[in-house]
All heavy atoms as atom14 arrays in JSON, in Angstrom:
{
  "sequence": "AMRWYRQAPGKQRELVAAITSGGSTNYADSVKGRFTISA",
  "atom14_mask": [
    [1, 1, 1, 1, 1, 0, 0, 0, 0, 0, 0, 0, 0, 0],
    [1, 1, 1, 1, 1, 1, 1, 1, 0, 0, 0, 0, 0, 0],
    [1, 1, 1, 1, 1, 1, 1, 1, 1, 1, 1, 0, 0, 0],
    [1, 1, 1, 1, 1, 1, 1, 1, 1, 1, 1, 1, 1, 1],
    [1, 1, 1, 1, 1, 1, 1, 1, 1, 1, 1, 1, 0, 0],
    [1, 1, 1, 1, 1, 1, 1, 1, 1, 1, 1, 0, 0, 0],
    [1, 1, 1, 1, 1, 1, 1, 1, 1, 0, 0, 0, 0, 0],
    [1, 1, 1, 1, 1, 0, 0, 0, 0, 0, 0, 0, 0, 0],
    [1, 1, 1, 1, 1, 1, 1, 0, 0, 0, 0, 0, 0, 0],
    [1, 1, 1, 1, 0, 0, 0, 0, 0, 0, 0, 0, 0, 0],
    [1, 1, 1, 1, 1, 1, 1, 1, 1, 0, 0, 0, 0, 0],
    [1, 1, 1, 1, 1, 1, 1, 1, 1, 0, 0, 0, 0, 0],
    [1, 1, 1, 1, 1, 1, 1, 1, 1, 1, 1, 0, 0, 0],
    [1, 1, 1, 1, 1, 1, 1, 1, 1, 0, 0, 0, 0, 0],
    [1, 1, 1, 1, 1, 1, 1, 1, 0, 0, 0, 0, 0, 0],
    [1, 1, 1, 1, 1, 1, 1, 0, 0, 0, 0, 0, 0, 0],
    [1, 1, 1, 1, 1, 0, 0, 0, 0, 0, 0, 0, 0, 0],
    [1, 1, 1, 1, 1, 0, 0, 0, 0, 0, 0, 0, 0, 0],
    [1, 1, 1, 1, 1, 1, 1, 1, 0, 0, 0, 0, 0, 0],
    [1, 1, 1, 1, 1, 1, 1, 0, 0, 0, 0, 0, 0, 0],
    [1, 1, 1, 1, 1, 1, 0, 0, 0, 0, 0, 0, 0, 0],
    [1, 1, 1, 1, 0, 0, 0, 0, 0, 0, 0, 0, 0, 0],
    [1, 1, 1, 1, 0, 0, 0, 0, 0, 0, 0, 0, 0, 0],
    [1, 1, 1, 1, 1, 1, 0, 0, 0, 0, 0, 0, 0, 0],
    [1, 1, 1, 1, 1, 1, 1, 0, 0, 0, 0, 0, 0, 0],
    [1, 1, 1, 1, 1, 1, 1, 1, 0, 0, 0, 0, 0, 0],
    [1, 1, 1, 1, 1, 1, 1, 1, 1, 1, 1, 1, 0, 0],
    [1, 1, 1, 1, 1, 0, 0, 0, 0, 0, 0, 0, 0, 0],
    [1, 1, 1, 1, 1, 1, 1, 1, 0, 0, 0, 0, 0, 0],
    [1, 1, 1, 1, 1, 1, 0, 0, 0, 0, 0, 0, 0, 0],
    [1, 1, 1, 1, 1, 1, 1, 0, 0, 0, 0, 0, 0, 0],
    [1, 1, 1, 1, 1, 1, 1, 1, 1, 0, 0, 0, 0, 0],
    [1, 1, 1, 1, 0, 0, 0, 0, 0, 0, 0, 0, 0, 0],
    [1, 1, 1, 1, 1, 1, 1, 1, 1, 1, 1, 0, 0, 0],
    [1, 1, 1, 1, 1, 1, 1, 1, 1, 1, 1, 0, 0, 0],
    [1, 1, 1, 1, 1, 1, 1, 0, 0, 0, 0, 0, 0, 0],
    [1, 1, 1, 1, 1, 1, 1, 1, 0, 0, 0, 0, 0, 0],
    [1, 1, 1, 1, 1, 1, 0, 0, 0, 0, 0, 0, 0, 0],
    [1, 1, 1, 1, 1, 0, 0, 0, 0, 0, 0, 0, 0, 0]
  ],
  "atom14_positions": [
    [[91.44, 159.78, 85.22], [92.65, 159.28, 84.6], [93.79, 160.24, 84.87], [93.57, 161.45, 84.94], [92.48, 159.09, 83.09], [0.0, 0.0, 0.0], [0.0, 0.0, 0.0], [0.0, 0.0, 0.0], [0.0, 0.0, 0.0], [0.0, 0.0, 0.0], [0.0, 0.0, 0.0], [0.0, 0.0, 0.0], [0.0, 0.0, 0.0], [0.0, 0.0, 0.0]],
    [[94.99, 159.71, 85.03], [96.18, 160.51, 85.17], [97.13, 160.13, 84.05], [97.18, 158.97, 83.63], [96.85, 160.28, 86.52], [96.01, 160.67, 87.72], [95.68, 162.46, 87.79], [97.35, 163.09, 88.02], [0.0, 0.0, 0.0], [0.0, 0.0, 0.0], [0.0, 0.0, 0.0], [0.0, 0.0, 0.0], [0.0, 0.0, 0.0], [0.0, 0.0, 0.0]],
    [[97.88, 161.12, 83.58], [98.75, 160.91, 82.43], [100.09, 161.6, 82.62], [100.2, 162.59, 83.35], [98.09, 161.45, 81.15], [96.68, 160.96, 80.93], [95.99, 161.75, 79.82], [94.6, 161.37, 79.66], [93.59, 161.9, 80.35], [93.81, 162.85, 81.24], [92.35, 161.47, 80.13], [0.0, 0.0, 0.0], [0.0, 0.0, 0.0], [0.0, 0.0, 0.0]],
    [[101.08, 161.08, 81.96], [102.37, 161.75, 81.82], [102.58, 162.07, 80.35], [102.45, 161.19, 79.49], [103.52, 160.88, 82.32], [103.62, 160.8, 83.81], [103.14, 159.81, 84.61], [104.25, 161.75, 84.67], [103.43, 160.08, 85.93], [104.11, 161.27, 85.99], [104.92, 162.95, 84.47], [104.63, 161.95, 87.1], [105.42, 163.63, 85.57], [105.27, 163.13, 86.86]],
    [[102.9, 163.32, 80.07], [103.27, 163.78, 78.75], [104.72, 164.24, 78.79], [105.28, 164.5, 79.85], [102.41, 164.95, 78.3], [100.98, 164.62, 77.91], [100.0, 164.48, 78.87], [100.63, 164.48, 76.57], [98.69, 164.2, 78.52], [99.32, 164.2, 76.21], [98.36, 164.07, 77.19], [97.05, 163.8, 76.84], [0.0, 0.0, 0.0], [0.0, 0.0, 0.0]],
    [[105.32, 164.37, 77.62], [106.64, 164.96, 77.54], [106.75, 165.79, 76.27], [106.08, 165.52, 75.28], [107.74, 163.9, 77.59], [107.82, 162.99, 76.37], [108.88, 161.92, 76.58], [109.01, 161.04, 75.43], [109.75, 159.94, 75.42], [110.44, 159.59, 76.51], [109.82, 159.2, 74.31], [0.0, 0.0, 0.0], [0.0, 0.0, 0.0], [0.0, 0.0, 0.0]],
    [[107.62, 166.78, 76.32], [107.84, 167.64, 75.17], [109.31, 168.01, 75.1], [109.85, 168.61, 76.03], [106.98, 168.9, 75.25], [107.04, 169.75, 74.0], [105.96, 170.8, 73.96], [105.49, 171.26, 75.0], [105.56, 171.19, 72.76], [0.0, 0.0, 0.0], [0.0, 0.0, 0.0], [0.0, 0.0, 0.0], [0.0, 0.0, 0.0], [0.0, 0.0, 0.0]],
    [[109.93, 167.63, 74.0], [111.32, 167.98, 73.74], [111.36, 169.23, 72.86], [110.4, 169.51, 72.13], [112.04, 166.83, 73.06], [0.0, 0.0, 0.0], [0.0, 0.0, 0.0], [0.0, 0.0, 0.0], [0.0, 0.0, 0.0], [0.0, 0.0, 0.0], [0.0, 0.0, 0.0], [0.0, 0.0, 0.0], [0.0, 0.0, 0.0], [0.0, 0.0, 0.0]],
    [[112.45, 169.99, 72.91], [112.56, 171.19, 72.07], [112.34, 170.87, 70.6], [112.94, 169.93, 70.07], [113.98, 171.67, 72.33], [114.29, 171.17, 73.7], [113.62, 169.83, 73.78], [0.0, 0.0, 0.0], [0.0, 0.0, 0.0], [0.0, 0.0, 0.0], [0.0, 0.0, 0.0], [0.0, 0.0, 0.0], [0.0, 0.0, 0.0], [0.0, 0.0, 0.0]],
    [[111.47, 171.63, 69.95], [111.2, 171.44, 68.54], [110.27, 170.29, 68.22], [110.03, 170.02, 67.04], [0.0, 0.0, 0.0], [0.0, 0.0, 0.0], [0.0, 0.0, 0.0], [0.0, 0.0, 0.0], [0.0, 0.0, 0.0], [0.0, 0.0, 0.0], [0.0, 0.0, 0.0], [0.0, 0.0, 0.0], [0.0, 0.0, 0.0], [0.0, 0.0, 0.0]],
    [[109.76, 169.62, 69.22], [108.86, 168.49, 69.0], [107.5, 168.75, 69.63], [107.36, 169.57, 70.53], [109.45, 167.21, 69.58], [110.72, 166.72, 68.9], [111.15, 165.37, 69.46], [112.38, 164.84, 68.77], [112.79, 163.52, 69.32], [0.0, 0.0, 0.0], [0.0, 0.0, 0.0], [0.0, 0.0, 0.0], [0.0, 0.0, 0.0], [0.0, 0.0, 0.0]],
    [[106.5, 168.04, 69.14], [105.16, 168.13, 69.7], [105.1, 167.39, 71.02], [105.84, 166.44, 71.26], [104.13, 167.54, 68.73], [103.96, 168.31, 67.43], [102.85, 167.74, 66.57], [102.41, 166.61, 66.76], [102.39, 168.54, 65.63], [0.0, 0.0, 0.0], [0.0, 0.0, 0.0], [0.0, 0.0, 0.0], [0.0, 0.0, 0.0], [0.0, 0.0, 0.0]],
    [[104.21, 167.86, 71.88], [103.99, 167.17, 73.14], [103.35, 165.81, 72.86], [102.43, 165.69, 72.06], [103.09, 167.99, 74.05], [102.92, 167.42, 75.45], [102.21, 168.41, 76.37], [102.99, 169.63, 76.54], [102.66, 170.61, 77.38], [101.56, 170.5, 78.13], [103.42, 171.69, 77.46], [0.0, 0.0, 0.0], [0.0, 0.0, 0.0], [0.0, 0.0, 0.0]],
    [[103.86, 164.78, 73.51], [103.37, 163.44, 73.28], [102.96, 162.78, 74.58], [103.54, 163.02, 75.64], [104.42, 162.58, 72.57], [105.68, 162.33, 73.38], [106.63, 161.34, 72.72], [106.16, 160.5, 71.93], [107.84, 161.41, 73.01], [0.0, 0.0, 0.0], [0.0, 0.0, 0.0], [0.0, 0.0, 0.0], [0.0, 0.0, 0.0], [0.0, 0.0, 0.0]],
    [[101.96, 161.92, 74.48], [101.52, 161.14, 75.62], [102.49, 160.01, 75.86], [102.79, 159.23, 74.95], [100.11, 160.6, 75.37], [99.52, 159.7, 76.45], [99.32, 160.48, 77.75], [98.2, 159.1, 75.98], [0.0, 0.0, 0.0], [0.0, 0.0, 0.0], [0.0, 0.0, 0.0], [0.0, 0.0, 0.0], [0.0, 0.0, 0.0], [0.0, 0.0, 0.0]],
    [[102.98, 159.9, 77.08], [103.95, 158.88, 77.44], [103.27, 157.69, 78.11], [103.53, 156.53, 77.77], [105.03, 159.45, 78.38], [105.98, 158.35, 78.84], [105.79, 160.56, 77.67], [0.0, 0.0, 0.0], [0.0, 0.0, 0.0], [0.0, 0.0, 0.0], [0.0, 0.0, 0.0], [0.0, 0.0, 0.0], [0.0, 0.0, 0.0], [0.0, 0.0, 0.0]],
    [[102.41, 157.97, 79.08], [101.75, 156.9, 79.83], [100.47, 157.42, 80.44], [100.32, 158.62, 80.67], [102.68, 156.36, 80.92], [0.0, 0.0, 0.0], [0.0, 0.0, 0.0], [0.0, 0.0, 0.0], [0.0, 0.0, 0.0], [0.0, 0.0, 0.0], [0.0, 0.0, 0.0], [0.0, 0.0, 0.0], [0.0, 0.0, 0.0], [0.0, 0.0, 0.0]],
    [[99.54, 156.53, 80.69], [98.26, 156.89, 81.3], [97.8, 155.78, 82.22], [98.11, 154.61, 82.01], [97.21, 157.15, 80.22], [0.0, 0.0, 0.0], [0.0, 0.0, 0.0], [0.0, 0.0, 0.0], [0.0, 0.0, 0.0], [0.0, 0.0, 0.0], [0.0, 0.0, 0.0], [0.0, 0.0, 0.0], [0.0, 0.0, 0.0], [0.0, 0.0, 0.0]],
    [[97.04, 156.18, 83.23], [96.46, 155.22, 84.16], [95.06, 155.69, 84.52], [94.83, 156.87, 84.74], [97.34, 155.04, 85.42], [96.78, 153.94, 86.32], [97.49, 156.35, 86.17], [97.74, 153.53, 87.43], [0.0, 0.0, 0.0], [0.0, 0.0, 0.0], [0.0, 0.0, 0.0], [0.0, 0.0, 0.0], [0.0, 0.0, 0.0], [0.0, 0.0, 0.0]],
    [[94.11, 154.76, 84.56], [92.75, 155.09, 84.92], [92.54, 154.83, 86.4], [93.36, 154.2, 87.07], [91.74, 154.26, 84.12], [91.82, 152.88, 84.52], [92.01, 154.37, 82.62], [0.0, 0.0, 0.0], [0.0, 0.0, 0.0], [0.0, 0.0, 0.0], [0.0, 0.0, 0.0], [0.0, 0.0, 0.0], [0.0, 0.0, 0.0], [0.0, 0.0, 0.0]],
    [[91.4, 155.29, 86.91], [91.07, 155.06, 88.31], [90.93, 153.58, 88.62], [91.11, 153.17, 89.76], [89.78, 155.8, 88.69], [88.69, 155.35, 87.91], [0.0, 0.0, 0.0], [0.0, 0.0, 0.0], [0.0, 0.0, 0.0], [0.0, 0.0, 0.0], [0.0, 0.0, 0.0], [0.0, 0.0, 0.0], [0.0, 0.0, 0.0], [0.0, 0.0, 0.0]],
    [[90.62, 152.79, 87.6], [90.51, 151.36, 87.77], [91.82, 150.62, 87.7], [91.86, 149.41, 87.91], [0.0, 0.0, 0.0], [0.0, 0.0, 0.0], [0.0, 0.0, 0.0], [0.0, 0.0, 0.0], [0.0, 0.0, 0.0], [0.0, 0.0, 0.0], [0.0, 0.0, 0.0], [0.0, 0.0, 0.0], [0.0, 0.0, 0.0], [0.0, 0.0, 0.0]],
    [[92.9, 151.34, 87.39], [94.22, 150.75, 87.37], [94.72, 150.32, 86.0], [95.84, 149.81, 85.89], [0.0, 0.0, 0.0], [0.0, 0.0, 0.0], [0.0, 0.0, 0.0], [0.0, 0.0, 0.0], [0.0, 0.0, 0.0], [0.0, 0.0, 0.0], [0.0, 0.0, 0.0], [0.0, 0.0, 0.0], [0.0, 0.0, 0.0], [0.0, 0.0, 0.0]],
    [[93.93, 150.53, 84.96], [94.39, 150.19, 83.62], [95.48, 151.16, 83.19], [95.4, 152.36, 83.47], [93.23, 150.23, 82.63], [92.25, 149.27, 82.95], [0.0, 0.0, 0.0], [0.0, 0.0, 0.0], [0.0, 0.0, 0.0], [0.0, 0.0, 0.0], [0.0, 0.0, 0.0], [0.0, 0.0, 0.0], [0.0, 0.0, 0.0], [0.0, 0.0, 0.0]],
    [[96.48, 150.67, 82.49], [97.59, 151.5, 82.04], [97.79, 151.37, 80.55], [97.42, 150.38, 79.93], [98.89, 151.12, 82.76], [99.2, 149.74, 82.51], [98.76, 151.34, 84.26], [0.0, 0.0, 0.0], [0.0, 0.0, 0.0], [0.0, 0.0, 0.0], [0.0, 0.0, 0.0], [0.0, 0.0, 0.0], [0.0, 0.0, 0.0], [0.0, 0.0, 0.0]],
    [[98.42, 152.4, 79.98], [98.75, 152.41, 78.57], [100.03, 153.19, 78.39], [100.28, 154.16, 79.11], [97.62, 153.02, 77.75], [97.78, 152.77, 76.26], [98.24, 151.71, 75.85], [97.39, 153.75, 75.45], [0.0, 0.0, 0.0], [0.0, 0.0, 0.0], [0.0, 0.0, 0.0], [0.0, 0.0, 0.0], [0.0, 0.0, 0.0], [0.0, 0.0, 0.0]],
    [[100.86, 152.78, 77.42], [102.16, 153.4, 77.21], [102.41, 153.66, 75.73], [101.95, 152.92, 74.86], [103.28, 152.49, 77.73], [103.18, 152.18, 79.19], [102.5, 151.04, 79.63], [103.77, 153.01, 80.14], [102.41, 150.75, 80.98], [103.68, 152.72, 81.49], [103.0, 151.59, 81.9], [102.91, 151.31, 83.25], [0.0, 0.0, 0.0], [0.0, 0.0, 0.0]],
    [[103.19, 154.69, 75.48], [103.69, 154.91, 74.14], [104.64, 153.79, 73.77], [105.36, 153.27, 74.63], [104.39, 156.26, 74.05], [0.0, 0.0, 0.0], [0.0, 0.0, 0.0], [0.0, 0.0, 0.0], [0.0, 0.0, 0.0], [0.0, 0.0, 0.0], [0.0, 0.0, 0.0], [0.0, 0.0, 0.0], [0.0, 0.0, 0.0], [0.0, 0.0, 0.0]],
    [[104.65, 153.42, 72.51], [105.52, 152.33, 72.07], [106.99, 152.61, 72.38], [107.75, 151.68, 72.68], [105.35, 152.09, 70.57], [104.03, 151.44, 70.22], [103.39, 150.85, 71.11], [103.63, 151.53, 69.04], [0.0, 0.0, 0.0], [0.0, 0.0, 0.0], [0.0, 0.0, 0.0], [0.0, 0.0, 0.0], [0.0, 0.0, 0.0], [0.0, 0.0, 0.0]],
    [[107.37, 153.87, 72.35], [108.76, 154.23, 72.55], [109.25, 153.98, 73.98], [110.47, 153.9, 74.21], [108.99, 155.7, 72.18], [108.18, 156.55, 72.97], [0.0, 0.0, 0.0], [0.0, 0.0, 0.0], [0.0, 0.0, 0.0], [0.0, 0.0, 0.0], [0.0, 0.0, 0.0], [0.0, 0.0, 0.0], [0.0, 0.0, 0.0], [0.0, 0.0, 0.0]],
    [[108.33, 153.87, 74.93], [108.73, 153.68, 76.32], [108.24, 152.36, 76.9], [108.59, 152.02, 78.04], [108.24, 154.84, 77.22], [108.66, 156.18, 76.65], [106.72, 154.79, 77.38], [0.0, 0.0, 0.0], [0.0, 0.0, 0.0], [0.0, 0.0, 0.0], [0.0, 0.0, 0.0], [0.0, 0.0, 0.0], [0.0, 0.0, 0.0], [0.0, 0.0, 0.0]],
    [[107.47, 151.63, 76.15], [106.91, 150.37, 76.63], [108.02, 149.41, 77.03], [108.97, 149.18, 76.3], [106.01, 149.75, 75.56], [105.12, 148.63, 76.04], [104.11, 148.23, 74.96], [103.18, 149.37, 74.61], [102.18, 149.0, 73.58], [0.0, 0.0, 0.0], [0.0, 0.0, 0.0], [0.0, 0.0, 0.0], [0.0, 0.0, 0.0], [0.0, 0.0, 0.0]],
    [[107.87, 148.85, 78.22], [108.86, 147.93, 78.74], [109.94, 148.61, 79.55], [110.69, 147.93, 80.27], [0.0, 0.0, 0.0], [0.0, 0.0, 0.0], [0.0, 0.0, 0.0], [0.0, 0.0, 0.0], [0.0, 0.0, 0.0], [0.0, 0.0, 0.0], [0.0, 0.0, 0.0], [0.0, 0.0, 0.0], [0.0, 0.0, 0.0], [0.0, 0.0, 0.0]],
    [[110.03, 149.94, 79.46], [111.04, 150.69, 80.21], [110.43, 151.58, 81.28], [111.03, 151.78, 82.33], [111.88, 151.55, 79.26], [112.63, 150.76, 78.21], [113.58, 151.65, 77.42], [112.86, 152.69, 76.69], [113.05, 154.0, 76.86], [113.95, 154.43, 77.74], [112.37, 154.88, 76.14], [0.0, 0.0, 0.0], [0.0, 0.0, 0.0], [0.0, 0.0, 0.0]],
    [[109.25, 152.13, 81.0], [108.58, 153.04, 81.92], [107.39, 152.35, 82.57], [106.73, 151.52, 81.94], [108.08, 154.29, 81.2], [109.15, 155.23, 80.72], [110.49, 154.87, 80.72], [108.8, 156.5, 80.26], [111.47, 155.74, 80.26], [109.77, 157.37, 79.81], [111.11, 157.0, 79.8], [0.0, 0.0, 0.0], [0.0, 0.0, 0.0], [0.0, 0.0, 0.0]],
    [[107.08, 152.75, 83.8], [105.92, 152.23, 84.51], [105.2, 153.37, 85.21], [105.81, 154.11, 85.99], [106.32, 151.17, 85.55], [107.02, 150.1, 84.91], [105.06, 150.61, 86.23], [0.0, 0.0, 0.0], [0.0, 0.0, 0.0], [0.0, 0.0, 0.0], [0.0, 0.0, 0.0], [0.0, 0.0, 0.0], [0.0, 0.0, 0.0], [0.0, 0.0, 0.0]],
    [[103.9, 153.51, 84.95], [103.09, 154.5, 85.63], [102.33, 153.81, 86.75], [101.86, 152.68, 86.59], [102.13, 155.23, 84.66], [101.4, 156.37, 85.37], [101.13, 154.26, 84.04], [100.59, 157.26, 84.43], [0.0, 0.0, 0.0], [0.0, 0.0, 0.0], [0.0, 0.0, 0.0], [0.0, 0.0, 0.0], [0.0, 0.0, 0.0], [0.0, 0.0, 0.0]],
    [[102.21, 154.47, 87.88], [101.49, 153.92, 89.01], [100.87, 155.04, 89.81], [101.27, 156.21, 89.69], [102.4, 153.06, 89.89], [103.44, 153.83, 90.45], [0.0, 0.0, 0.0], [0.0, 0.0, 0.0], [0.0, 0.0, 0.0], [0.0, 0.0, 0.0], [0.0, 0.0, 0.0], [0.0, 0.0, 0.0], [0.0, 0.0, 0.0], [0.0, 0.0, 0.0]],
    [[99.89, 154.7, 90.63], [99.23, 155.68, 91.48], [99.12, 155.15, 92.9], [98.74, 153.99, 93.11], [97.84, 156.01, 90.94], [0.0, 0.0, 0.0], [0.0, 0.0, 0.0], [0.0, 0.0, 0.0], [0.0, 0.0, 0.0], [0.0, 0.0, 0.0], [0.0, 0.0, 0.0], [0.0, 0.0, 0.0], [0.0, 0.0, 0.0], [0.0, 0.0, 0.0]]
  ]
}
């Protein structure tokens, strides 16, 4: 699996998006519909 995380100053690191070797994807609610992860 590959993932994108992000961390803003003063905030905890959060998972933004993930993709498995099979192509399944998952997104944080805050970015859903705006961000796309691909491999």
